[in-house]
Amino acid sequence: MEATKERNVLETVAGDFQRVPVSVQGRYMLEDMSEHRCRVTAMSPGDAVLTAGHPGSLGEQIIAYIDHIGRVEGMVLSVDADSFVMSINASERKRDKLAAQLTWLANRHELDLADDRRHDRLVPANPHSFFVTSDGARHPCYIIDVSVSGAALRCEVRPDIGTDVSLSSIPARVARHIPEGVAVSFLTLQDLAVINAVFLQ
């Protein structure tokens, strides 16, 4: 229940930079071009808390590469003994994408998408889509994440498990129900290039 409340807060007030707790690895580069490993422990579409051994200086420009998130740029806002807070410079569209990525990170256990899943799951560039059932009906959905083997969809219509559907013209089957909708498995393993072309561009 708490996870659902947190997810809703993130989605409705993302513009206010609501942080959510996460635990993902990354690395960052300081102005002197030195690179360091880090772990992101909390993040919003506007800033991030990084645990690291070389936090940099207040006001220093920084570029970070964060697992499941990608590249973000900003500056050091505050420094602690073993952590620091960086701002995130991003357009409104990029912040919306970050909000979706953080929603997934904050809720991946609730959605039964554990770290040892078979294939890496990615957050699409444009998550708004639809799936088609065998009767030709189109049902709007929000793609939470996608991989070469399937996708997790937020949707109001939840077909029965085993129902054949099509997602962006890719034949799939409903594998299970999740709190927000359904998880579908593609009938054949897709090439990563196809996933990139259909969902990530």
N, C-alpha and C. Protein backbone atom coordinates (compact mmCIF):
# COMPACT_ATOMS: atom_id res chain seq x y z
N MET A 1 0.83 -1.20 0.00
CA MET A 1 0.00 0.00 0.00
C MET A 1 0.87 1.25 0.00
N GLU A 2 1.94 1.21 0.83
CA GLU A 2 2.85 2.35 0.89
C GLU A 2 3.50 2.60 -0.46
N ALA A 3 3.90 1.51 -1.16
CA ALA A 3 4.54 1.65 -2.46
C ALA A 3 3.60 2.34 -3.44
N THR A 4 2.30 1.97 -3.39
CA THR A 4 1.32 2.59 -4.28
C THR A 4 1.20 4.06 -3.99
N LYS A 5 1.14 4.43 -2.70
CA LYS A 5 1.04 5.83 -2.33
C LYS A 5 2.25 6.60 -2.83
N GLU A 6 3.45 6.02 -2.66
CA GLU A 6 4.67 6.68 -3.11
C GLU A 6 4.67 6.86 -4.61
N ARG A 7 4.19 5.84 -5.33
CA ARG A 7 4.15 5.93 -6.77
C ARG A 7 3.23 7.06 -7.22
N ASN A 8 2.05 7.16 -6.58
CA ASN A 8 1.10 8.20 -6.96
C ASN A 8 1.65 9.58 -6.66
N VAL A 9 2.32 9.74 -5.53
CA VAL A 9 2.92 11.03 -5.20
C VAL A 9 3.93 11.42 -6.25
N LEU A 10 4.77 10.47 -6.65
CA LEU A 10 5.79 10.77 -7.66
C LEU A 10 5.15 11.23 -8.96
N GLU A 11 4.08 10.55 -9.37
CA GLU A 11 3.46 10.86 -10.65
C GLU A 11 2.73 12.19 -10.62
N THR A 12 2.17 12.57 -9.48
CA THR A 12 1.36 13.77 -9.45
C THR A 12 2.15 15.02 -9.08
N VAL A 13 3.26 14.85 -8.38
CA VAL A 13 4.01 16.04 -7.98
C VAL A 13 5.46 15.94 -8.42
N ALA A 14 5.71 15.25 -9.54
CA ALA A 14 7.08 15.10 -10.02
C ALA A 14 7.72 16.46 -10.24
N GLY A 15 6.90 17.46 -10.63
CA GLY A 15 7.44 18.80 -10.86
C GLY A 15 8.00 19.42 -9.60
N ASP A 16 7.57 18.93 -8.43
CA ASP A 16 8.08 19.43 -7.16
C ASP A 16 9.30 18.65 -6.71
N PHE A 17 9.79 17.75 -7.56
CA PHE A 17 11.01 16.99 -7.31
C PHE A 17 10.92 16.13 -6.04
N GLN A 18 9.87 15.34 -5.97
CA GLN A 18 9.71 14.40 -4.87
C GLN A 18 10.74 13.29 -5.00
N ARG A 19 11.62 13.15 -4.01
CA ARG A 19 12.62 12.08 -4.05
C ARG A 19 12.00 10.75 -3.67
N VAL A 20 12.53 9.69 -4.28
CA VAL A 20 12.15 8.34 -3.88
C VAL A 20 13.43 7.58 -3.56
N PRO A 21 13.38 6.67 -2.59
CA PRO A 21 14.56 5.87 -2.27
C PRO A 21 14.83 4.86 -3.36
N VAL A 22 16.07 4.76 -3.80
CA VAL A 22 16.48 3.78 -4.79
C VAL A 22 17.82 3.21 -4.34
N SER A 23 18.30 2.22 -5.04
CA SER A 23 19.62 1.66 -4.77
C SER A 23 20.18 1.14 -6.07
N VAL A 24 20.88 2.01 -6.80
CA VAL A 24 21.44 1.64 -8.10
C VAL A 24 22.89 2.11 -8.19
N GLN A 25 23.66 1.36 -8.93
CA GLN A 25 25.06 1.69 -9.13
C GLN A 25 25.22 2.75 -10.23
N GLY A 26 26.36 3.40 -10.22
CA GLY A 26 26.64 4.36 -11.27
C GLY A 26 28.09 4.82 -11.20
N ARG A 27 28.42 5.76 -12.04
CA ARG A 27 29.73 6.39 -11.98
C ARG A 27 29.54 7.85 -12.40
N TYR A 28 30.51 8.69 -12.02
CA TYR A 28 30.38 10.10 -12.34
C TYR A 28 31.74 10.69 -12.66
N MET A 29 31.71 11.79 -13.39
CA MET A 29 32.94 12.46 -13.79
C MET A 29 32.92 13.88 -13.26
N LEU A 30 34.03 14.28 -12.61
CA LEU A 30 34.18 15.62 -12.07
C LEU A 30 34.81 16.53 -13.12
N GLU A 31 34.95 17.81 -12.77
CA GLU A 31 35.49 18.77 -13.73
C GLU A 31 36.92 18.47 -14.13
N ASP A 32 37.68 17.79 -13.26
CA ASP A 32 39.07 17.45 -13.60
C ASP A 32 39.14 16.20 -14.48
N MET A 33 37.97 15.72 -14.94
CA MET A 33 37.84 14.56 -15.84
C MET A 33 38.09 13.23 -15.12
N SER A 34 38.23 13.24 -13.80
CA SER A 34 38.40 11.99 -13.07
C SER A 34 37.04 11.30 -12.92
N GLU A 35 37.03 9.97 -13.02
CA GLU A 35 35.80 9.19 -12.90
C GLU A 35 35.80 8.39 -11.61
N HIS A 36 34.63 8.27 -10.98
CA HIS A 36 34.51 7.58 -9.70
C HIS A 36 33.21 6.78 -9.68
N ARG A 37 33.24 5.67 -8.97
CA ARG A 37 32.04 4.86 -8.80
C ARG A 37 31.16 5.46 -7.71
N CYS A 38 29.87 5.14 -7.78
CA CYS A 38 28.95 5.65 -6.77
C CYS A 38 27.74 4.73 -6.67
N ARG A 39 26.93 4.96 -5.67
CA ARG A 39 25.61 4.33 -5.53
C ARG A 39 24.61 5.44 -5.29
N VAL A 40 23.54 5.45 -6.08
CA VAL A 40 22.48 6.43 -5.89
C VAL A 40 21.48 5.87 -4.89
N THR A 41 21.23 6.59 -3.81
CA THR A 41 20.37 6.11 -2.73
C THR A 41 19.01 6.80 -2.71
N ALA A 42 18.89 7.93 -3.36
CA ALA A 42 17.60 8.63 -3.46
C ALA A 42 17.66 9.54 -4.68
N MET A 43 16.52 9.73 -5.33
CA MET A 43 16.55 10.50 -6.56
C MET A 43 15.17 11.06 -6.86
N SER A 44 15.17 12.21 -7.50
CA SER A 44 13.95 12.82 -8.02
C SER A 44 14.24 13.27 -9.44
N PRO A 45 13.25 13.77 -10.17
CA PRO A 45 13.55 14.32 -11.50
C PRO A 45 14.41 15.57 -11.45
N GLY A 46 14.68 16.08 -10.26
CA GLY A 46 15.47 17.31 -10.16
C GLY A 46 16.79 17.19 -9.44
N ASP A 47 17.00 16.10 -8.69
CA ASP A 47 18.28 15.94 -7.99
C ASP A 47 18.49 14.48 -7.61
N ALA A 48 19.69 14.17 -7.12
CA ALA A 48 20.02 12.80 -6.74
C ALA A 48 21.01 12.82 -5.58
N VAL A 49 20.89 11.81 -4.71
CA VAL A 49 21.82 11.63 -3.59
C VAL A 49 22.74 10.48 -3.94
N LEU A 50 24.05 10.75 -3.98
CA LEU A 50 25.04 9.75 -4.37
C LEU A 50 25.96 9.46 -3.20
N THR A 51 26.16 8.18 -2.90
CA THR A 51 27.17 7.76 -1.93
C THR A 51 28.45 7.49 -2.70
N ALA A 52 29.54 8.17 -2.31
CA ALA A 52 30.79 8.07 -3.07
C ALA A 52 31.96 8.50 -2.20
N GLY A 53 33.14 8.07 -2.61
CA GLY A 53 34.35 8.40 -1.86
C GLY A 53 34.97 9.74 -2.24
N HIS A 54 34.64 10.26 -3.42
CA HIS A 54 35.21 11.52 -3.90
C HIS A 54 34.06 12.43 -4.35
N PRO A 55 33.44 13.14 -3.40
CA PRO A 55 32.22 13.87 -3.72
C PRO A 55 32.38 15.16 -4.51
N GLY A 56 33.58 15.63 -4.71
CA GLY A 56 33.74 16.89 -5.43
C GLY A 56 33.48 18.09 -4.54
N SER A 57 33.41 19.25 -5.14
CA SER A 57 33.27 20.49 -4.39
C SER A 57 31.92 21.14 -4.67
N LEU A 58 31.45 21.95 -3.73
CA LEU A 58 30.19 22.66 -3.92
C LEU A 58 30.23 23.48 -5.21
N GLY A 59 29.19 23.36 -5.99
CA GLY A 59 29.10 24.12 -7.23
C GLY A 59 29.82 23.50 -8.40
N GLU A 60 30.53 22.40 -8.19
CA GLU A 60 31.28 21.78 -9.28
C GLU A 60 30.33 21.09 -10.26
N GLN A 61 30.60 21.26 -11.55
CA GLN A 61 29.80 20.60 -12.58
C GLN A 61 30.13 19.11 -12.59
N ILE A 62 29.11 18.29 -12.84
CA ILE A 62 29.28 16.85 -12.74
C ILE A 62 28.43 16.15 -13.81
N ILE A 63 28.95 15.07 -14.34
CA ILE A 63 28.21 14.21 -15.28
C ILE A 63 28.16 12.82 -14.66
N ALA A 64 26.96 12.26 -14.55
CA ALA A 64 26.80 10.93 -13.95
C ALA A 64 26.15 9.98 -14.93
N TYR A 65 26.55 8.71 -14.86
CA TYR A 65 25.96 7.64 -15.65
C TYR A 65 25.38 6.64 -14.66
N ILE A 66 24.06 6.57 -14.58
CA ILE A 66 23.38 5.80 -13.54
C ILE A 66 22.66 4.61 -14.16
N ASP A 67 22.89 3.43 -13.60
CA ASP A 67 22.23 2.22 -14.09
C ASP A 67 20.72 2.42 -14.14
N HIS A 68 20.09 1.97 -15.22
CA HIS A 68 18.64 2.05 -15.45
C HIS A 68 18.16 3.47 -15.75
N ILE A 69 19.01 4.46 -15.57
CA ILE A 69 18.62 5.86 -15.79
C ILE A 69 19.34 6.45 -17.00
N GLY A 70 20.65 6.23 -17.07
CA GLY A 70 21.44 6.81 -18.14
C GLY A 70 22.23 8.02 -17.70
N ARG A 71 22.55 8.88 -18.66
CA ARG A 71 23.40 10.04 -18.39
C ARG A 71 22.57 11.21 -17.85
N VAL A 72 23.07 11.82 -16.78
CA VAL A 72 22.47 13.05 -16.25
C VAL A 72 23.59 14.03 -15.95
N GLU A 73 23.28 15.31 -16.06
CA GLU A 73 24.25 16.36 -15.79
C GLU A 73 23.70 17.31 -14.75
N GLY A 74 24.60 17.92 -13.99
CA GLY A 74 24.18 18.89 -12.99
C GLY A 74 25.37 19.46 -12.26
N MET A 75 25.12 19.84 -11.01
CA MET A 75 26.21 20.39 -10.19
C MET A 75 26.04 19.92 -8.75
N VAL A 76 27.16 19.96 -8.01
CA VAL A 76 27.15 19.52 -6.62
C VAL A 76 26.44 20.57 -5.77
N LEU A 77 25.36 20.14 -5.10
CA LEU A 77 24.57 21.06 -4.28
C LEU A 77 24.97 21.04 -2.81
N SER A 78 25.35 19.87 -2.32
CA SER A 78 25.78 19.74 -0.92
C SER A 78 26.69 18.54 -0.80
N VAL A 79 27.57 18.58 0.21
CA VAL A 79 28.57 17.53 0.38
C VAL A 79 28.55 17.03 1.82
N ASP A 80 28.58 15.70 2.00
CA ASP A 80 28.69 15.07 3.31
C ASP A 80 29.98 14.28 3.35
N ALA A 81 30.20 13.56 4.43
CA ALA A 81 31.45 12.81 4.57
C ALA A 81 31.62 11.78 3.46
N ASP A 82 30.57 11.03 3.16
CA ASP A 82 30.69 9.97 2.15
C ASP A 82 29.57 10.03 1.12
N SER A 83 28.94 11.18 0.96
CA SER A 83 27.88 11.31 -0.02
C SER A 83 27.74 12.77 -0.44
N PHE A 84 27.00 12.99 -1.50
CA PHE A 84 26.72 14.35 -1.93
C PHE A 84 25.42 14.39 -2.72
N VAL A 85 24.87 15.56 -2.86
CA VAL A 85 23.64 15.76 -3.63
C VAL A 85 24.00 16.54 -4.88
N MET A 86 23.52 16.05 -6.02
CA MET A 86 23.74 16.77 -7.28
C MET A 86 22.39 17.19 -7.87
N SER A 87 22.38 18.34 -8.50
CA SER A 87 21.19 18.75 -9.22
C SER A 87 21.14 18.00 -10.55
N ILE A 88 19.97 17.99 -11.19
CA ILE A 88 19.82 17.37 -12.50
C ILE A 88 19.26 18.41 -13.46
N ASN A 89 20.07 18.75 -14.45
CA ASN A 89 19.62 19.69 -15.48
C ASN A 89 18.90 18.90 -16.56
N ALA A 90 17.64 19.21 -16.78
CA ALA A 90 16.87 18.44 -17.76
C ALA A 90 15.69 19.25 -18.26
N SER A 91 15.29 18.95 -19.49
CA SER A 91 14.09 19.57 -20.05
C SER A 91 12.85 18.95 -19.40
N GLU A 92 11.71 19.54 -19.65
CA GLU A 92 10.47 19.01 -19.08
C GLU A 92 10.23 17.58 -19.57
N ARG A 93 10.52 17.34 -20.85
CA ARG A 93 10.33 15.99 -21.40
C ARG A 93 11.25 14.99 -20.72
N LYS A 94 12.52 15.39 -20.50
CA LYS A 94 13.47 14.52 -19.84
C LYS A 94 13.04 14.25 -18.40
N ARG A 95 12.50 15.27 -17.72
CA ARG A 95 12.04 15.07 -16.34
C ARG A 95 10.86 14.10 -16.31
N ASP A 96 9.98 14.17 -17.30
CA ASP A 96 8.87 13.22 -17.36
C ASP A 96 9.40 11.79 -17.52
N LYS A 97 10.42 11.64 -18.37
CA LYS A 97 11.01 10.32 -18.56
C LYS A 97 11.67 9.84 -17.27
N LEU A 98 12.37 10.74 -16.58
CA LEU A 98 13.01 10.38 -15.31
C LEU A 98 11.96 9.95 -14.29
N ALA A 99 10.83 10.66 -14.26
CA ALA A 99 9.77 10.30 -13.32
C ALA A 99 9.28 8.88 -13.59
N ALA A 100 9.13 8.52 -14.88
CA ALA A 100 8.69 7.16 -15.23
C ALA A 100 9.74 6.13 -14.82
N GLN A 101 11.02 6.45 -15.07
CA GLN A 101 12.09 5.53 -14.70
C GLN A 101 12.15 5.33 -13.18
N LEU A 102 11.98 6.42 -12.44
CA LEU A 102 12.03 6.33 -10.98
C LEU A 102 10.82 5.59 -10.43
N THR A 103 9.68 5.75 -11.08
CA THR A 103 8.49 4.99 -10.69
C THR A 103 8.79 3.50 -10.77
N TRP A 104 9.40 3.10 -11.90
CA TRP A 104 9.74 1.69 -12.08
C TRP A 104 10.73 1.22 -11.02
N LEU A 105 11.79 2.02 -10.78
CA LEU A 105 12.80 1.63 -9.80
C LEU A 105 12.20 1.50 -8.41
N ALA A 106 11.31 2.43 -8.05
CA ALA A 106 10.73 2.41 -6.71
C ALA A 106 9.76 1.25 -6.52
N ASN A 107 9.22 0.72 -7.62
CA ASN A 107 8.17 -0.28 -7.52
C ASN A 107 8.51 -1.62 -8.16
N ARG A 108 9.77 -1.84 -8.53
CA ARG A 108 10.07 -3.05 -9.31
C ARG A 108 9.82 -4.32 -8.52
N HIS A 109 9.95 -4.28 -7.19
CA HIS A 109 9.66 -5.48 -6.41
C HIS A 109 8.16 -5.72 -6.37
N GLU A 110 7.40 -4.64 -6.25
CA GLU A 110 5.94 -4.77 -6.26
C GLU A 110 5.46 -5.35 -7.58
N LEU A 111 6.16 -4.97 -8.67
CA LEU A 111 5.76 -5.43 -10.00
C LEU A 111 6.36 -6.80 -10.35
N ASP A 112 7.06 -7.40 -9.38
CA ASP A 112 7.67 -8.72 -9.58
C ASP A 112 8.67 -8.70 -10.72
N LEU A 113 9.48 -7.61 -10.76
CA LEU A 113 10.53 -7.50 -11.78
C LEU A 113 11.86 -7.46 -11.05
N ALA A 114 12.29 -8.60 -10.55
CA ALA A 114 13.49 -8.66 -9.71
C ALA A 114 14.75 -8.49 -10.54
N ASP A 115 15.86 -8.21 -9.84
CA ASP A 115 17.13 -7.97 -10.53
C ASP A 115 17.65 -9.19 -11.27
N ASP A 116 17.21 -10.39 -10.87
CA ASP A 116 17.72 -11.58 -11.54
C ASP A 116 16.80 -12.03 -12.68
N ARG A 117 15.94 -11.15 -13.18
CA ARG A 117 15.06 -11.51 -14.29
C ARG A 117 15.91 -11.88 -15.50
N ARG A 118 15.30 -12.59 -16.44
CA ARG A 118 16.06 -13.19 -17.53
C ARG A 118 16.69 -12.16 -18.45
N HIS A 119 15.99 -11.06 -18.74
CA HIS A 119 16.51 -10.08 -19.69
C HIS A 119 16.37 -8.67 -19.13
N ASP A 120 17.34 -7.83 -19.46
CA ASP A 120 17.31 -6.45 -19.01
C ASP A 120 16.05 -5.77 -19.51
N ARG A 121 15.41 -5.04 -18.63
CA ARG A 121 14.20 -4.30 -19.00
C ARG A 121 14.53 -2.83 -19.10
N LEU A 122 13.98 -2.18 -20.11
CA LEU A 122 14.29 -0.79 -20.42
C LEU A 122 13.02 0.04 -20.39
N VAL A 123 13.18 1.32 -20.06
CA VAL A 123 12.04 2.24 -20.05
C VAL A 123 11.96 2.91 -21.42
N PRO A 124 10.83 2.78 -22.13
CA PRO A 124 10.75 3.33 -23.48
C PRO A 124 10.77 4.85 -23.50
N ALA A 125 11.20 5.42 -24.63
CA ALA A 125 11.25 6.87 -24.78
C ALA A 125 9.85 7.46 -24.74
N ASN A 126 8.89 6.80 -25.39
CA ASN A 126 7.50 7.22 -25.35
C ASN A 126 6.67 6.06 -24.81
N PRO A 127 6.35 6.07 -23.52
CA PRO A 127 5.70 4.92 -22.91
C PRO A 127 4.22 4.78 -23.25
N HIS A 128 3.60 5.81 -23.81
CA HIS A 128 2.17 5.73 -24.12
C HIS A 128 1.96 4.92 -25.40
N SER A 129 1.15 3.86 -25.29
CA SER A 129 0.96 2.97 -26.43
C SER A 129 -0.42 2.33 -26.33
N PHE A 130 -0.61 1.22 -27.01
CA PHE A 130 -1.85 0.45 -26.95
C PHE A 130 -1.54 -0.99 -27.32
N PHE A 131 -2.38 -1.89 -26.85
CA PHE A 131 -2.27 -3.27 -27.28
C PHE A 131 -3.60 -3.67 -27.94
N VAL A 132 -3.50 -4.63 -28.85
CA VAL A 132 -4.66 -5.06 -29.63
C VAL A 132 -5.00 -6.49 -29.26
N THR A 133 -6.27 -6.73 -28.95
CA THR A 133 -6.72 -8.09 -28.66
C THR A 133 -7.22 -8.75 -29.95
N SER A 134 -7.52 -10.05 -29.88
CA SER A 134 -7.85 -10.83 -31.08
C SER A 134 -9.12 -10.34 -31.78
N ASP A 135 -9.99 -9.60 -31.07
CA ASP A 135 -11.20 -9.09 -31.70
C ASP A 135 -10.96 -7.75 -32.41
N GLY A 136 -9.69 -7.31 -32.41
CA GLY A 136 -9.34 -6.07 -33.09
C GLY A 136 -9.47 -4.82 -32.25
N ALA A 137 -9.89 -4.97 -30.99
CA ALA A 137 -10.05 -3.81 -30.11
C ALA A 137 -8.69 -3.29 -29.67
N ARG A 138 -8.56 -1.96 -29.69
CA ARG A 138 -7.31 -1.32 -29.25
C ARG A 138 -7.50 -0.79 -27.83
N HIS A 139 -6.58 -1.13 -26.95
CA HIS A 139 -6.68 -0.73 -25.55
C HIS A 139 -5.47 0.13 -25.17
N PRO A 140 -5.69 1.35 -24.74
CA PRO A 140 -4.57 2.22 -24.35
C PRO A 140 -3.79 1.60 -23.19
N CYS A 141 -2.49 1.82 -23.19
CA CYS A 141 -1.66 1.33 -22.09
C CYS A 141 -0.44 2.23 -21.94
N TYR A 142 0.21 2.07 -20.80
CA TYR A 142 1.46 2.78 -20.49
C TYR A 142 2.51 1.71 -20.28
N ILE A 143 3.56 1.73 -21.10
CA ILE A 143 4.59 0.69 -21.01
C ILE A 143 5.53 1.03 -19.86
N ILE A 144 5.45 0.25 -18.80
CA ILE A 144 6.30 0.48 -17.63
C ILE A 144 7.75 0.18 -17.97
N ASP A 145 7.97 -0.95 -18.61
CA ASP A 145 9.29 -1.30 -19.12
C ASP A 145 9.13 -2.39 -20.17
N VAL A 146 10.21 -2.62 -20.91
CA VAL A 146 10.16 -3.59 -22.01
C VAL A 146 11.51 -4.27 -22.14
N SER A 147 11.51 -5.52 -22.59
CA SER A 147 12.75 -6.24 -22.84
C SER A 147 12.58 -7.03 -24.13
N VAL A 148 13.58 -7.82 -24.47
CA VAL A 148 13.48 -8.63 -25.68
C VAL A 148 12.47 -9.76 -25.53
N SER A 149 12.03 -10.03 -24.29
CA SER A 149 11.11 -11.15 -24.07
C SER A 149 9.71 -10.72 -23.68
N GLY A 150 9.49 -9.44 -23.38
CA GLY A 150 8.15 -9.03 -22.99
C GLY A 150 8.12 -7.63 -22.43
N ALA A 151 6.98 -7.29 -21.82
CA ALA A 151 6.80 -5.92 -21.30
C ALA A 151 5.81 -5.93 -20.14
N ALA A 152 5.92 -4.94 -19.29
CA ALA A 152 4.96 -4.71 -18.21
C ALA A 152 4.13 -3.49 -18.60
N LEU A 153 2.80 -3.63 -18.53
CA LEU A 153 1.91 -2.58 -19.02
C LEU A 153 0.98 -2.10 -17.91
N ARG A 154 0.85 -0.80 -17.81
CA ARG A 154 -0.17 -0.21 -16.94
C ARG A 154 -1.40 0.03 -17.81
N CYS A 155 -2.53 -0.58 -17.44
CA CYS A 155 -3.72 -0.48 -18.28
C CYS A 155 -4.97 -0.75 -17.45
N GLU A 156 -6.09 -0.23 -17.94
CA GLU A 156 -7.37 -0.44 -17.26
C GLU A 156 -7.96 -1.80 -17.63
N VAL A 157 -7.83 -2.18 -18.89
CA VAL A 157 -8.34 -3.48 -19.35
C VAL A 157 -7.27 -4.54 -19.08
N ARG A 158 -7.64 -5.59 -18.35
CA ARG A 158 -6.68 -6.65 -18.04
C ARG A 158 -7.22 -7.98 -18.59
N PRO A 159 -6.82 -8.33 -19.82
CA PRO A 159 -7.28 -9.60 -20.40
C PRO A 159 -6.84 -10.78 -19.55
N ASP A 160 -7.55 -11.89 -19.69
CA ASP A 160 -7.21 -13.10 -18.94
C ASP A 160 -5.80 -13.57 -19.27
N ILE A 161 -5.16 -14.19 -18.29
CA ILE A 161 -3.84 -14.78 -18.51
C ILE A 161 -3.94 -15.81 -19.63
N GLY A 162 -3.01 -15.75 -20.58
CA GLY A 162 -3.02 -16.64 -21.72
C GLY A 162 -3.65 -16.03 -22.96
N THR A 163 -4.23 -14.82 -22.82
CA THR A 163 -4.85 -14.15 -23.96
C THR A 163 -3.78 -13.66 -24.93
N ASP A 164 -3.99 -13.91 -26.21
CA ASP A 164 -3.07 -13.41 -27.24
C ASP A 164 -3.37 -11.95 -27.53
N VAL A 165 -2.32 -11.14 -27.56
CA VAL A 165 -2.45 -9.70 -27.84
C VAL A 165 -1.31 -9.30 -28.78
N SER A 166 -1.36 -8.06 -29.24
CA SER A 166 -0.28 -7.52 -30.06
C SER A 166 0.11 -6.17 -29.47
N LEU A 167 1.40 -5.99 -29.20
CA LEU A 167 1.91 -4.73 -28.66
C LEU A 167 2.85 -4.12 -29.68
N SER A 168 2.46 -2.97 -30.23
CA SER A 168 3.26 -2.33 -31.28
C SER A 168 3.58 -3.31 -32.40
N SER A 169 2.57 -4.06 -32.80
CA SER A 169 2.64 -5.06 -33.89
C SER A 169 3.46 -6.29 -33.54
N ILE A 170 3.91 -6.41 -32.30
CA ILE A 170 4.66 -7.61 -31.88
C ILE A 170 3.69 -8.58 -31.21
N PRO A 171 3.52 -9.79 -31.73
CA PRO A 171 2.62 -10.78 -31.12
C PRO A 171 3.09 -11.12 -29.70
N ALA A 172 2.14 -11.15 -28.78
CA ALA A 172 2.48 -11.40 -27.37
C ALA A 172 1.33 -12.16 -26.71
N ARG A 173 1.55 -12.55 -25.47
CA ARG A 173 0.53 -13.27 -24.70
C ARG A 173 0.57 -12.76 -23.26
N VAL A 174 -0.59 -12.58 -22.67
CA VAL A 174 -0.65 -12.12 -21.28
C VAL A 174 -0.07 -13.21 -20.38
N ALA A 175 1.01 -12.89 -19.67
CA ALA A 175 1.70 -13.87 -18.83
C ALA A 175 1.20 -13.84 -17.38
N ARG A 176 0.87 -12.66 -16.88
CA ARG A 176 0.38 -12.53 -15.50
C ARG A 176 -0.24 -11.16 -15.32
N HIS A 177 -1.02 -11.05 -14.26
CA HIS A 177 -1.56 -9.77 -13.85
C HIS A 177 -0.65 -9.15 -12.81
N ILE A 178 -0.47 -7.85 -12.87
CA ILE A 178 0.32 -7.10 -11.90
C ILE A 178 -0.58 -6.02 -11.32
N PRO A 179 -0.20 -5.39 -10.22
CA PRO A 179 -1.09 -4.41 -9.58
C PRO A 179 -1.60 -3.32 -10.51
N GLU A 180 -0.77 -2.93 -11.50
CA GLU A 180 -1.15 -1.82 -12.36
C GLU A 180 -1.73 -2.26 -13.70
N GLY A 181 -1.68 -3.53 -14.00
CA GLY A 181 -2.16 -3.95 -15.32
C GLY A 181 -1.78 -5.38 -15.62
N VAL A 182 -0.96 -5.58 -16.67
CA VAL A 182 -0.57 -6.93 -17.06
C VAL A 182 0.90 -6.95 -17.47
N ALA A 183 1.47 -8.14 -17.39
CA ALA A 183 2.79 -8.40 -17.97
C ALA A 183 2.58 -9.32 -19.15
N VAL A 184 3.17 -8.98 -20.28
CA VAL A 184 3.01 -9.80 -21.49
C VAL A 184 4.36 -10.38 -21.90
N SER A 185 4.32 -11.57 -22.47
CA SER A 185 5.52 -12.21 -23.01
C SER A 185 5.40 -12.23 -24.53
N PHE A 186 6.44 -11.81 -25.23
CA PHE A 186 6.42 -11.89 -26.69
C PHE A 186 6.47 -13.36 -27.10
N LEU A 187 5.78 -13.70 -28.18
CA LEU A 187 5.71 -15.10 -28.61
C LEU A 187 7.06 -15.61 -29.09
N THR A 188 7.90 -14.71 -29.58
CA THR A 188 9.27 -15.07 -29.94
C THR A 188 10.21 -14.02 -29.36
N LEU A 189 11.41 -14.46 -29.02
CA LEU A 189 12.40 -13.54 -28.49
C LEU A 189 12.75 -12.50 -29.56
N GLN A 190 12.67 -11.24 -29.19
CA GLN A 190 12.90 -10.17 -30.15
C GLN A 190 14.39 -9.78 -30.20
N ASP A 191 14.82 -9.31 -31.34
CA ASP A 191 16.17 -8.78 -31.47
C ASP A 191 16.23 -7.45 -30.73
N LEU A 192 17.33 -7.20 -30.04
CA LEU A 192 17.47 -5.94 -29.30
C LEU A 192 17.35 -4.74 -30.22
N ALA A 193 17.79 -4.88 -31.45
CA ALA A 193 17.69 -3.78 -32.42
C ALA A 193 16.23 -3.44 -32.69
N VAL A 194 15.37 -4.46 -32.72
CA VAL A 194 13.94 -4.23 -32.93
C VAL A 194 13.36 -3.49 -31.73
N ILE A 195 13.72 -3.92 -30.53
CA ILE A 195 13.23 -3.24 -29.32
C ILE A 195 13.67 -1.78 -29.32
N ASN A 196 14.92 -1.54 -29.68
CA ASN A 196 15.41 -0.16 -29.74
C ASN A 196 14.64 0.66 -30.76
N ALA A 197 14.39 0.09 -31.94
CA ALA A 197 13.71 0.83 -33.00
C ALA A 197 12.25 1.10 -32.66
N VAL A 198 11.57 0.13 -32.05
CA VAL A 198 10.13 0.25 -31.80
C VAL A 198 9.83 1.07 -30.55
N PHE A 199 10.63 0.86 -29.48
CA PHE A 199 10.27 1.44 -28.19
C PHE A 199 11.20 2.54 -27.67
N LEU A 200 12.45 2.54 -28.08
CA LEU A 200 13.43 3.39 -27.41
C LEU A 200 13.82 4.62 -28.21
N GLN A 201 13.28 4.81 -29.40
CA GLN A 201 13.65 5.98 -30.20
C GLN A 201 12.48 6.94 -30.33
